[in-house]
Amino acid sequence: MDFNLPDIDGIETTRRLKAVASSADIPVIMITGQSGKELVVDSLKAGASDFLVKPFDKSTLQTKMQKLLGS
Protein backbone atom coordinates (compact mmCIF):
# COMPACT_ATOMS: atom_id res chain seq x y z
CA MET A 1 0.00 0.00 0.00
CA ASP A 2 1.45 3.32 -1.00
CA PHE A 3 1.01 6.07 1.57
CA ASN A 4 0.49 8.78 -1.05
CA LEU A 5 -2.74 8.04 -2.88
CA PRO A 6 -4.81 10.55 -4.87
CA ASP A 7 -8.00 10.76 -2.78
CA ILE A 8 -7.23 9.28 0.63
CA ASP A 9 -3.93 8.27 2.12
CA GLY A 10 -2.73 4.70 2.52
CA ILE A 11 -3.36 4.71 6.26
CA GLU A 12 -7.05 5.47 5.82
CA THR A 13 -7.29 2.98 2.95
CA THR A 14 -5.70 0.30 5.15
CA ARG A 15 -8.05 1.18 8.00
CA ARG A 16 -11.06 0.74 5.70
CA LEU A 17 -9.69 -2.50 4.24
CA LYS A 18 -9.22 -3.95 7.73
CA ALA A 19 -12.73 -2.87 8.79
CA VAL A 20 -14.35 -5.21 6.24
CA ALA A 21 -14.50 -8.83 7.39
CA SER A 22 -13.79 -10.29 3.94
CA SER A 23 -10.56 -8.31 3.56
CA ALA A 24 -9.42 -7.95 7.18
CA ASP A 25 -6.92 -10.83 6.90
CA ILE A 26 -5.14 -9.45 3.83
CA PRO A 27 -1.59 -8.49 4.84
CA VAL A 28 -0.64 -4.91 4.03
CA ILE A 29 2.89 -3.62 3.60
CA MET A 30 2.95 0.17 3.71
CA ILE A 31 5.34 1.66 1.14
CA THR A 32 6.37 5.32 1.27
CA GLY A 33 9.23 7.71 0.78
CA GLN A 34 8.71 8.99 4.32
CA SER A 35 10.19 7.34 7.39
CA GLY A 36 8.90 9.37 10.32
CA LYS A 37 8.19 7.41 13.48
CA GLU A 38 4.63 8.76 13.69
CA LEU A 39 3.84 7.55 10.16
CA VAL A 40 5.16 4.06 10.95
CA VAL A 41 3.19 3.89 14.21
CA ASP A 42 -0.01 5.18 12.57
CA SER A 43 0.37 2.65 9.74
CA LEU A 44 0.75 -0.25 12.15
CA LYS A 45 -2.17 0.98 14.26
CA ALA A 46 -4.31 1.08 11.11
CA GLY A 47 -3.52 -2.58 10.49
CA ALA A 48 -0.44 -2.59 8.27
CA SER A 49 1.64 -5.72 8.77
CA ASP A 50 4.95 -4.14 7.82
CA PHE A 51 6.55 -0.97 6.47
CA LEU A 52 9.06 -0.18 3.69
CA VAL A 53 10.71 3.12 2.85
CA LYS A 54 11.42 3.99 -0.80
CA PRO A 55 13.72 3.34 -2.45
CA PHE A 56 13.88 -0.26 -1.31
CA ASP A 57 15.57 -3.41 -2.51
CA LYS A 58 13.35 -5.87 -4.40
CA SER A 59 14.66 -8.77 -2.31
CA THR A 60 13.63 -6.98 0.90
CA LEU A 61 10.06 -6.70 -0.38
CA GLN A 62 10.07 -10.35 -1.46
CA THR A 63 11.34 -11.47 1.95
CA LYS A 64 8.63 -9.49 3.75
CA MET A 65 5.95 -10.86 1.42
CA GLN A 66 7.11 -14.45 1.89
CA LYS A 67 7.08 -13.99 5.67
CA LEU A 68 3.55 -12.57 5.63
CA LEU A 69 2.20 -15.16 3.22
CA GLY A 70 3.88 -18.07 4.96
CA SER A 71 5.83 -19.15 1.90
PDB file of N, CA and C in Angstrom:
ATOM      1  N   MET A   1       0.848  -1.172   0.000  1.00  0.00           N
ATOM      2  CA  MET A   1       0.000   0.000   0.000  1.00  0.00           C
ATOM      3  C   MET A   1       0.891   1.232   0.000  1.00  0.00           C
ATOM      4  N   ASP A   2       0.698   2.071  -0.965  1.00  0.00           N
ATOM      5  CA  ASP A   2       1.445   3.321  -0.996  1.00  0.00           C
ATOM      6  C   ASP A   2       0.771   4.306  -0.046  1.00  0.00           C
ATOM      7  N   PHE A   3       1.568   5.073   0.664  1.00  0.00           N
ATOM      8  CA  PHE A   3       1.011   6.069   1.574  1.00  0.00           C
ATOM      9  C   PHE A   3       0.354   7.201   0.795  1.00  0.00           C
ATOM     10  N   ASN A   4       0.998   7.650  -0.268  1.00  0.00           N
ATOM     11  CA  ASN A   4       0.486   8.780  -1.050  1.00  0.00           C
ATOM     12  C   ASN A   4      -0.438   8.294  -2.154  1.00  0.00           C
ATOM     13  N   LEU A   5      -1.723   8.391  -1.897  1.00  0.00           N
ATOM     14  CA  LEU A   5      -2.742   8.035  -2.877  1.00  0.00           C
ATOM     15  C   LEU A   5      -3.519   9.297  -3.248  1.00  0.00           C
ATOM     16  N   PRO A   6      -4.183   9.321  -4.407  1.00  0.00           N
ATOM     17  CA  PRO A   6      -4.809  10.554  -4.874  1.00  0.00           C
ATOM     18  C   PRO A   6      -5.950  11.098  -4.001  1.00  0.00           C
ATOM     19  N   ASP A   7      -6.828  10.258  -3.498  1.00  0.00           N
ATOM     20  CA  ASP A   7      -8.001  10.761  -2.781  1.00  0.00           C
ATOM     21  C   ASP A   7      -7.891  10.637  -1.262  1.00  0.00           C
ATOM     22  N   ILE A   8      -7.449   9.485  -0.802  1.00  0.00           N
ATOM     23  CA  ILE A   8      -7.229   9.277   0.632  1.00  0.00           C
ATOM     24  C   ILE A   8      -5.870   8.632   0.804  1.00  0.00           C
ATOM     25  N   ASP A   9      -5.269   8.823   1.953  1.00  0.00           N
ATOM     26  CA  ASP A   9      -3.926   8.267   2.123  1.00  0.00           C
ATOM     27  C   ASP A   9      -3.974   6.766   2.410  1.00  0.00           C
ATOM     28  N   GLY A  10      -2.833   6.136   2.342  1.00  0.00           N
ATOM     29  CA  GLY A  10      -2.730   4.695   2.520  1.00  0.00           C
ATOM     30  C   GLY A  10      -3.138   4.226   3.909  1.00  0.00           C
ATOM     31  N   ILE A  11      -2.950   5.082   4.907  1.00  0.00           N
ATOM     32  CA  ILE A  11      -3.356   4.707   6.264  1.00  0.00           C
ATOM     33  C   ILE A  11      -4.868   4.576   6.339  1.00  0.00           C
ATOM     34  N   GLU A  12      -5.590   5.540   5.796  1.00  0.00           N
ATOM     35  CA  GLU A  12      -7.052   5.472   5.815  1.00  0.00           C
ATOM     36  C   GLU A  12      -7.551   4.319   4.945  1.00  0.00           C
ATOM     37  N   THR A  13      -6.904   4.102   3.810  1.00  0.00           N
ATOM     38  CA  THR A  13      -7.289   2.975   2.950  1.00  0.00           C
ATOM     39  C   THR A  13      -7.089   1.650   3.679  1.00  0.00           C
ATOM     40  N   THR A  14      -5.972   1.513   4.378  1.00  0.00           N
ATOM     41  CA  THR A  14      -5.700   0.296   5.153  1.00  0.00           C
ATOM     42  C   THR A  14      -6.732   0.135   6.260  1.00  0.00           C
ATOM     43  N   ARG A  15      -7.046   1.210   6.940  1.00  0.00           N
ATOM     44  CA  ARG A  15      -8.054   1.180   8.002  1.00  0.00           C
ATOM     45  C   ARG A  15      -9.390   0.665   7.461  1.00  0.00           C
ATOM     46  N   ARG A  16      -9.786   1.170   6.305  1.00  0.00           N
ATOM     47  CA  ARG A  16     -11.061   0.741   5.696  1.00  0.00           C
ATOM     48  C   ARG A  16     -11.000  -0.709   5.237  1.00  0.00           C
ATOM     49  N   LEU A  17      -9.876  -1.119   4.681  1.00  0.00           N
ATOM     50  CA  LEU A  17      -9.689  -2.502   4.245  1.00  0.00           C
ATOM     51  C   LEU A  17      -9.817  -3.456   5.430  1.00  0.00           C
ATOM     52  N   LYS A  18      -9.209  -3.093   6.538  1.00  0.00           N
ATOM     53  CA  LYS A  18      -9.217  -3.947   7.727  1.00  0.00           C
ATOM     54  C   LYS A  18     -10.574  -3.953   8.429  1.00  0.00           C
ATOM     55  N   ALA A  19     -11.409  -2.955   8.159  1.00  0.00           N
ATOM     56  CA  ALA A  19     -12.732  -2.874   8.788  1.00  0.00           C
ATOM     57  C   ALA A  19     -13.757  -3.798   8.135  1.00  0.00           C
ATOM     58  N   VAL A  20     -13.430  -4.331   6.959  1.00  0.00           N
ATOM     59  CA  VAL A  20     -14.345  -5.215   6.236  1.00  0.00           C
ATOM     60  C   VAL A  20     -13.911  -6.657   6.490  1.00  0.00           C
ATOM     61  N   ALA A  21     -14.829  -7.458   6.990  1.00  0.00           N
ATOM     62  CA  ALA A  21     -14.504  -8.828   7.387  1.00  0.00           C
ATOM     63  C   ALA A  21     -13.843  -9.637   6.265  1.00  0.00           C
ATOM     64  N   SER A  22     -14.319  -9.482   5.040  1.00  0.00           N
ATOM     65  CA  SER A  22     -13.786 -10.288   3.937  1.00  0.00           C
ATOM     66  C   SER A  22     -12.372  -9.896   3.512  1.00  0.00           C
ATOM     67  N   SER A  23     -11.913  -8.728   3.934  1.00  0.00           N
ATOM     68  CA  SER A  23     -10.561  -8.307   3.562  1.00  0.00           C
ATOM     69  C   SER A  23      -9.662  -8.044   4.775  1.00  0.00           C
ATOM     70  N   ALA A  24     -10.166  -8.266   5.952  1.00  0.00           N
ATOM     71  CA  ALA A  24      -9.419  -7.955   7.181  1.00  0.00           C
ATOM     72  C   ALA A  24      -8.137  -8.767   7.330  1.00  0.00           C
ATOM     73  N   ASP A  25      -8.098  -9.965   6.754  1.00  0.00           N
ATOM     74  CA  ASP A  25      -6.919 -10.825   6.898  1.00  0.00           C
ATOM     75  C   ASP A  25      -5.861 -10.614   5.814  1.00  0.00           C
ATOM     76  N   ILE A  26      -6.113  -9.705   4.887  1.00  0.00           N
ATOM     77  CA  ILE A  26      -5.139  -9.448   3.828  1.00  0.00           C
ATOM     78  C   ILE A  26      -3.959  -8.672   4.424  1.00  0.00           C
ATOM     79  N   PRO A  27      -2.747  -9.216   4.306  1.00  0.00           N
ATOM     80  CA  PRO A  27      -1.591  -8.492   4.845  1.00  0.00           C
ATOM     81  C   PRO A  27      -1.291  -7.246   4.014  1.00  0.00           C
ATOM     82  N   VAL A  28      -0.942  -6.172   4.694  1.00  0.00           N
ATOM     83  CA  VAL A  28      -0.643  -4.905   4.033  1.00  0.00           C
ATOM     84  C   VAL A  28       0.769  -4.474   4.404  1.00  0.00           C
ATOM     85  N   ILE A  29       1.569  -4.205   3.392  1.00  0.00           N
ATOM     86  CA  ILE A  29       2.895  -3.620   3.603  1.00  0.00           C
ATOM     87  C   ILE A  29       2.806  -2.171   3.143  1.00  0.00           C
ATOM     88  N   MET A  30       2.996  -1.248   4.047  1.00  0.00           N
ATOM     89  CA  MET A  30       2.952   0.169   3.707  1.00  0.00           C
ATOM     90  C   MET A  30       4.262   0.550   3.028  1.00  0.00           C
ATOM     91  N   ILE A  31       4.158   1.243   1.898  1.00  0.00           N
ATOM     92  CA  ILE A  31       5.335   1.659   1.139  1.00  0.00           C
ATOM     93  C   ILE A  31       5.275   3.171   0.950  1.00  0.00           C
ATOM     94  N   THR A  32       6.344   3.860   1.358  1.00  0.00           N
ATOM     95  CA  THR A  32       6.370   5.316   1.267  1.00  0.00           C
ATOM     96  C   THR A  32       7.801   5.835   1.217  1.00  0.00           C
ATOM     97  N   GLY A  33       7.933   7.057   0.785  1.00  0.00           N
ATOM     98  CA  GLY A  33       9.230   7.709   0.783  1.00  0.00           C
ATOM     99  C   GLY A  33       9.530   8.388   2.105  1.00  0.00           C
ATOM    100  N   GLN A  34       8.572   8.344   3.008  1.00  0.00           N
ATOM    101  CA  GLN A  34       8.713   8.986   4.318  1.00  0.00           C
ATOM    102  C   GLN A  34       9.045   7.936   5.373  1.00  0.00           C
ATOM    103  N   SER A  35       9.807   8.329   6.378  1.00  0.00           N
ATOM    104  CA  SER A  35      10.187   7.337   7.389  1.00  0.00           C
ATOM    105  C   SER A  35       9.965   7.832   8.819  1.00  0.00           C
ATOM    106  N   GLY A  36       9.142   8.834   8.979  1.00  0.00           N
ATOM    107  CA  GLY A  36       8.896   9.370  10.318  1.00  0.00           C
ATOM    108  C   GLY A  36       8.269   8.337  11.238  1.00  0.00           C
ATOM    109  N   LYS A  37       8.674   8.372  12.491  1.00  0.00           N
ATOM    110  CA  LYS A  37       8.185   7.405  13.480  1.00  0.00           C
ATOM    111  C   LYS A  37       6.662   7.445  13.583  1.00  0.00           C
ATOM    112  N   GLU A  38       6.083   8.631  13.566  1.00  0.00           N
ATOM    113  CA  GLU A  38       4.631   8.761  13.690  1.00  0.00           C
ATOM    114  C   GLU A  38       3.902   8.077  12.537  1.00  0.00           C
ATOM    115  N   LEU A  39       4.439   8.199  11.332  1.00  0.00           N
ATOM    116  CA  LEU A  39       3.840   7.548  10.162  1.00  0.00           C
ATOM    117  C   LEU A  39       3.897   6.032  10.291  1.00  0.00           C
ATOM    118  N   VAL A  40       5.016   5.513  10.756  1.00  0.00           N
ATOM    119  CA  VAL A  40       5.158   4.064  10.953  1.00  0.00           C
ATOM    120  C   VAL A  40       4.161   3.583  12.004  1.00  0.00           C
ATOM    121  N   VAL A  41       4.106   4.283  13.126  1.00  0.00           N
ATOM    122  CA  VAL A  41       3.192   3.894  14.213  1.00  0.00           C
ATOM    123  C   VAL A  41       1.742   3.964  13.738  1.00  0.00           C
ATOM    124  N   ASP A  42       1.370   5.043  13.055  1.00  0.00           N
ATOM    125  CA  ASP A  42      -0.007   5.176  12.565  1.00  0.00           C
ATOM    126  C   ASP A  42      -0.355   4.084  11.560  1.00  0.00           C
ATOM    127  N   SER A  43       0.603   3.722  10.719  1.00  0.00           N
ATOM    128  CA  SER A  43       0.372   2.654   9.735  1.00  0.00           C
ATOM    129  C   SER A  43       0.116   1.322  10.422  1.00  0.00           C
ATOM    130  N   LEU A  44       0.925   1.016  11.414  1.00  0.00           N
ATOM    131  CA  LEU A  44       0.754  -0.247  12.147  1.00  0.00           C
ATOM    132  C   LEU A  44      -0.541  -0.247  12.944  1.00  0.00           C
ATOM    133  N   LYS A  45      -0.906   0.877  13.533  1.00  0.00           N
ATOM    134  CA  LYS A  45      -2.174   0.976  14.264  1.00  0.00           C
ATOM    135  C   LYS A  45      -3.367   0.785  13.327  1.00  0.00           C
ATOM    136  N   ALA A  46      -3.226   1.224  12.084  1.00  0.00           N
ATOM    137  CA  ALA A  46      -4.308   1.084  11.106  1.00  0.00           C
ATOM    138  C   ALA A  46      -4.456  -0.351  10.618  1.00  0.00           C
ATOM    139  N   GLY A  47      -3.432  -1.177  10.874  1.00  0.00           N
ATOM    140  CA  GLY A  47      -3.517  -2.582  10.495  1.00  0.00           C
ATOM    141  C   GLY A  47      -2.451  -3.052   9.525  1.00  0.00           C
ATOM    142  N   ALA A  48      -1.529  -2.166   9.152  1.00  0.00           N
ATOM    143  CA  ALA A  48      -0.444  -2.593   8.270  1.00  0.00           C
ATOM    144  C   ALA A  48       0.393  -3.660   8.977  1.00  0.00           C
ATOM    145  N   SER A  49       0.842  -4.628   8.220  1.00  0.00           N
ATOM    146  CA  SER A  49       1.639  -5.719   8.768  1.00  0.00           C
ATOM    147  C   SER A  49       3.123  -5.391   8.804  1.00  0.00           C
ATOM    148  N   ASP A  50       3.539  -4.491   7.906  1.00  0.00           N
ATOM    149  CA  ASP A  50       4.951  -4.141   7.815  1.00  0.00           C
ATOM    150  C   ASP A  50       5.074  -2.808   7.104  1.00  0.00           C
ATOM    151  N   PHE A  51       6.297  -2.312   6.965  1.00  0.00           N
ATOM    152  CA  PHE A  51       6.548  -0.972   6.466  1.00  0.00           C
ATOM    153  C   PHE A  51       7.850  -0.967   5.668  1.00  0.00           C
ATOM    154  N   LEU A  52       7.853  -0.322   4.508  1.00  0.00           N
ATOM    155  CA  LEU A  52       9.058  -0.178   3.693  1.00  0.00           C
ATOM    156  C   LEU A  52       9.210   1.275   3.271  1.00  0.00           C
ATOM    157  N   VAL A  53      10.432   1.761   3.290  1.00  0.00           N
ATOM    158  CA  VAL A  53      10.712   3.118   2.849  1.00  0.00           C
ATOM    159  C   VAL A  53      11.359   3.070   1.465  1.00  0.00           C
ATOM    160  N   LYS A  54      10.850   3.889   0.545  1.00  0.00           N
ATOM    161  CA  LYS A  54      11.419   3.991  -0.796  1.00  0.00           C
ATOM    162  C   LYS A  54      12.704   4.804  -0.741  1.00  0.00           C
ATOM    163  N   PRO A  55      13.650   4.517  -1.580  1.00  0.00           N
ATOM    164  CA  PRO A  55      13.722   3.340  -2.447  1.00  0.00           C
ATOM    165  C   PRO A  55      14.078   2.106  -1.616  1.00  0.00           C
ATOM    166  N   PHE A  56      13.601   0.972  -2.038  1.00  0.00           N
ATOM    167  CA  PHE A  56      13.883  -0.264  -1.313  1.00  0.00           C
ATOM    168  C   PHE A  56      14.377  -1.326  -2.283  1.00  0.00           C
ATOM    169  N   ASP A  57      15.029  -2.309  -1.739  1.00  0.00           N
ATOM    170  CA  ASP A  57      15.569  -3.412  -2.508  1.00  0.00           C
ATOM    171  C   ASP A  57      14.458  -4.434  -2.775  1.00  0.00           C
ATOM    172  N   LYS A  58      14.376  -4.902  -4.001  1.00  0.00           N
ATOM    173  CA  LYS A  58      13.355  -5.874  -4.395  1.00  0.00           C
ATOM    174  C   LYS A  58      13.383  -7.115  -3.504  1.00  0.00           C
ATOM    175  N   SER A  59      14.561  -7.565  -3.137  1.00  0.00           N
ATOM    176  CA  SER A  59      14.663  -8.774  -2.310  1.00  0.00           C
ATOM    177  C   SER A  59      14.104  -8.530  -0.903  1.00  0.00           C
ATOM    178  N   THR A  60      14.209  -7.304  -0.420  1.00  0.00           N
ATOM    179  CA  THR A  60      13.631  -6.985   0.895  1.00  0.00           C
ATOM    180  C   THR A  60      12.113  -7.109   0.844  1.00  0.00           C
ATOM    181  N   LEU A  61      11.506  -6.585  -0.212  1.00  0.00           N
ATOM    182  CA  LEU A  61      10.062  -6.704  -0.375  1.00  0.00           C
ATOM    183  C   LEU A  61       9.657  -8.168  -0.501  1.00  0.00           C
ATOM    184  N   GLN A  62      10.389  -8.934  -1.289  1.00  0.00           N
ATOM    185  CA  GLN A  62      10.070 -10.352  -1.462  1.00  0.00           C
ATOM    186  C   GLN A  62      10.163 -11.110  -0.145  1.00  0.00           C
ATOM    187  N   THR A  63      11.174 -10.817   0.654  1.00  0.00           N
ATOM    188  CA  THR A  63      11.338 -11.473   1.951  1.00  0.00           C
ATOM    189  C   THR A  63      10.162 -11.159   2.866  1.00  0.00           C
ATOM    190  N   LYS A  64       9.770  -9.894   2.904  1.00  0.00           N
ATOM    191  CA  LYS A  64       8.632  -9.491   3.749  1.00  0.00           C
ATOM    192  C   LYS A  64       7.342 -10.164   3.277  1.00  0.00           C
ATOM    193  N   MET A  65       7.150 -10.223   1.955  1.00  0.00           N
ATOM    194  CA  MET A  65       5.945 -10.862   1.421  1.00  0.00           C
ATOM    195  C   MET A  65       5.915 -12.354   1.747  1.00  0.00           C
ATOM    196  N   GLN A  66       7.046 -13.030   1.590  1.00  0.00           N
ATOM    197  CA  GLN A  66       7.108 -14.452   1.893  1.00  0.00           C
ATOM    198  C   GLN A  66       6.809 -14.699   3.375  1.00  0.00           C
ATOM    199  N   LYS A  67       7.325 -13.866   4.226  1.00  0.00           N
ATOM    200  CA  LYS A  67       7.079 -13.989   5.668  1.00  0.00           C
ATOM    201  C   LYS A  67       5.589 -13.837   5.974  1.00  0.00           C
ATOM    202  N   LEU A  68       4.966 -12.838   5.378  1.00  0.00           N
ATOM    203  CA  LEU A  68       3.546 -12.570   5.634  1.00  0.00           C
ATOM    204  C   LEU A  68       2.623 -13.607   5.017  1.00  0.00           C
ATOM    205  N   LEU A  69       3.034 -14.175   3.895  1.00  0.00           N
ATOM    206  CA  LEU A  69       2.199 -15.161   3.220  1.00  0.00           C
ATOM    207  C   LEU A  69       2.523 -16.593   3.629  1.00  0.00           C
ATOM    208  N   GLY A  70       3.522 -16.745   4.472  1.00  0.00           N
ATOM    209  CA  GLY A  70       3.876 -18.073   4.961  1.00  0.00           C
ATOM    210  C   GLY A  70       4.528 -18.959   3.927  1.00  0.00           C
ATOM    211  N   SER A  71       5.176 -18.369   2.954  1.00  0.00           N
ATOM    212  CA  SER A  71       5.834 -19.154   1.897  1.00  0.00           C
ATOM    213  C   SER A  71       7.298 -19.302   2.174  1.00  0.00           C
TER     214      SER A  71
END
